[in-house]
């Protein structure tokens, strides 16, 4: 996937796969409605 930070595999309707860097930024921004879990 190279330098991608966020990836949604073709046909995937569920969770979005993202990097730890993006996860931490979303948490720091205080975003709500998120459910984050380790893969």
N, C-alpha and C. Protein backbone atom coordinates (compact mmCIF):
# COMPACT_ATOMS: atom_id res chain seq x y z
N UNK A 1 0.81 -1.19 0.00
CA UNK A 1 0.00 0.00 0.00
C UNK A 1 0.86 1.26 0.00
N UNK A 2 2.14 1.13 0.05
CA UNK A 2 3.01 2.30 -0.07
C UNK A 2 2.85 3.29 1.06
N UNK A 3 2.59 4.55 0.69
CA UNK A 3 2.50 5.64 1.66
C UNK A 3 1.06 5.97 2.06
N UNK A 4 0.12 5.08 1.80
CA UNK A 4 -1.27 5.35 2.16
C UNK A 4 -1.43 5.42 3.67
N UNK A 5 -2.30 6.33 4.12
CA UNK A 5 -2.62 6.44 5.54
C UNK A 5 -3.97 5.82 5.86
N UNK A 6 -4.87 5.82 4.86
CA UNK A 6 -6.20 5.26 5.04
C UNK A 6 -6.49 4.36 3.85
N UNK A 7 -7.09 3.22 4.09
CA UNK A 7 -7.39 2.28 3.01
C UNK A 7 -8.74 1.63 3.25
N UNK A 8 -9.56 1.59 2.21
CA UNK A 8 -10.81 0.83 2.24
C UNK A 8 -10.75 -0.15 1.08
N UNK A 9 -10.52 -1.43 1.38
CA UNK A 9 -10.43 -2.43 0.32
C UNK A 9 -11.69 -2.45 -0.55
N UNK A 10 -11.51 -2.74 -1.83
CA UNK A 10 -12.62 -2.80 -2.78
C UNK A 10 -13.72 -3.73 -2.27
N UNK A 11 -14.95 -3.25 -2.28
CA UNK A 11 -16.08 -4.04 -1.84
C UNK A 11 -16.30 -4.07 -0.33
N UNK A 12 -15.41 -3.47 0.41
CA UNK A 12 -15.47 -3.47 1.87
C UNK A 12 -16.50 -2.44 2.31
N UNK A 13 -17.51 -2.86 3.05
CA UNK A 13 -18.54 -1.93 3.50
C UNK A 13 -18.45 -1.64 5.00
N UNK A 14 -17.51 -2.28 5.66
CA UNK A 14 -17.38 -2.13 7.11
C UNK A 14 -16.34 -1.11 7.49
N UNK A 15 -15.47 -1.53 8.35
CA UNK A 15 -14.45 -0.65 8.94
C UNK A 15 -13.46 -0.13 7.90
N UNK A 16 -12.88 1.00 8.22
CA UNK A 16 -11.81 1.58 7.41
C UNK A 16 -10.49 1.25 8.10
N UNK A 17 -9.51 0.87 7.32
CA UNK A 17 -8.18 0.55 7.84
C UNK A 17 -7.35 1.83 7.77
N UNK A 18 -6.73 2.22 8.90
CA UNK A 18 -5.92 3.43 8.91
C UNK A 18 -4.66 3.23 9.72
N UNK A 19 -3.73 4.15 9.54
CA UNK A 19 -2.45 4.03 10.23
C UNK A 19 -2.58 4.54 11.68
N UNK A 20 -1.63 4.16 12.49
CA UNK A 20 -1.58 4.61 13.89
C UNK A 20 -1.50 6.13 13.95
N UNK A 21 -0.78 6.74 13.01
CA UNK A 21 -0.63 8.20 12.97
C UNK A 21 -1.98 8.89 12.81
N UNK A 22 -2.82 8.39 11.92
CA UNK A 22 -4.15 8.96 11.71
C UNK A 22 -5.03 8.70 12.93
N UNK A 23 -4.96 7.51 13.49
CA UNK A 23 -5.74 7.17 14.69
C UNK A 23 -5.43 8.14 15.82
N UNK A 24 -4.16 8.40 16.07
CA UNK A 24 -3.76 9.31 17.14
C UNK A 24 -4.22 10.73 16.87
N UNK A 25 -4.14 11.17 15.62
CA UNK A 25 -4.58 12.52 15.26
C UNK A 25 -6.09 12.66 15.48
N UNK A 26 -6.86 11.64 15.15
CA UNK A 26 -8.31 11.68 15.36
C UNK A 26 -8.63 11.73 16.84
N UNK A 27 -7.92 10.97 17.65
CA UNK A 27 -8.13 10.99 19.10
C UNK A 27 -7.75 12.35 19.67
N UNK A 28 -6.63 12.92 19.24
CA UNK A 28 -6.21 14.24 19.73
C UNK A 28 -7.21 15.33 19.37
N UNK A 29 -7.84 15.20 18.19
CA UNK A 29 -8.82 16.18 17.74
C UNK A 29 -10.15 16.06 18.48
N UNK A 30 -10.30 15.00 19.28
CA UNK A 30 -11.52 14.81 20.06
C UNK A 30 -12.71 14.39 19.20
N UNK A 31 -12.45 13.75 18.09
CA UNK A 31 -13.54 13.30 17.21
C UNK A 31 -14.45 12.34 17.95
N UNK A 32 -15.74 12.46 17.71
CA UNK A 32 -16.72 11.58 18.35
C UNK A 32 -17.35 10.67 17.31
N UNK A 33 -18.01 9.62 17.79
CA UNK A 33 -18.66 8.67 16.90
C UNK A 33 -17.71 7.63 16.33
N UNK A 34 -16.49 7.61 16.84
CA UNK A 34 -15.49 6.66 16.36
C UNK A 34 -15.44 5.44 17.26
N UNK A 35 -15.16 4.31 16.66
CA UNK A 35 -14.89 3.10 17.43
C UNK A 35 -13.60 2.54 16.85
N UNK A 36 -12.53 2.69 17.60
CA UNK A 36 -11.21 2.27 17.13
C UNK A 36 -10.79 1.01 17.86
N UNK A 37 -10.20 0.09 17.10
CA UNK A 37 -9.71 -1.14 17.73
C UNK A 37 -8.47 -1.61 16.98
N UNK A 38 -7.64 -2.33 17.70
CA UNK A 38 -6.43 -2.90 17.11
C UNK A 38 -6.81 -4.07 16.23
N UNK A 39 -6.11 -4.21 15.12
CA UNK A 39 -6.39 -5.33 14.20
C UNK A 39 -5.63 -6.56 14.63
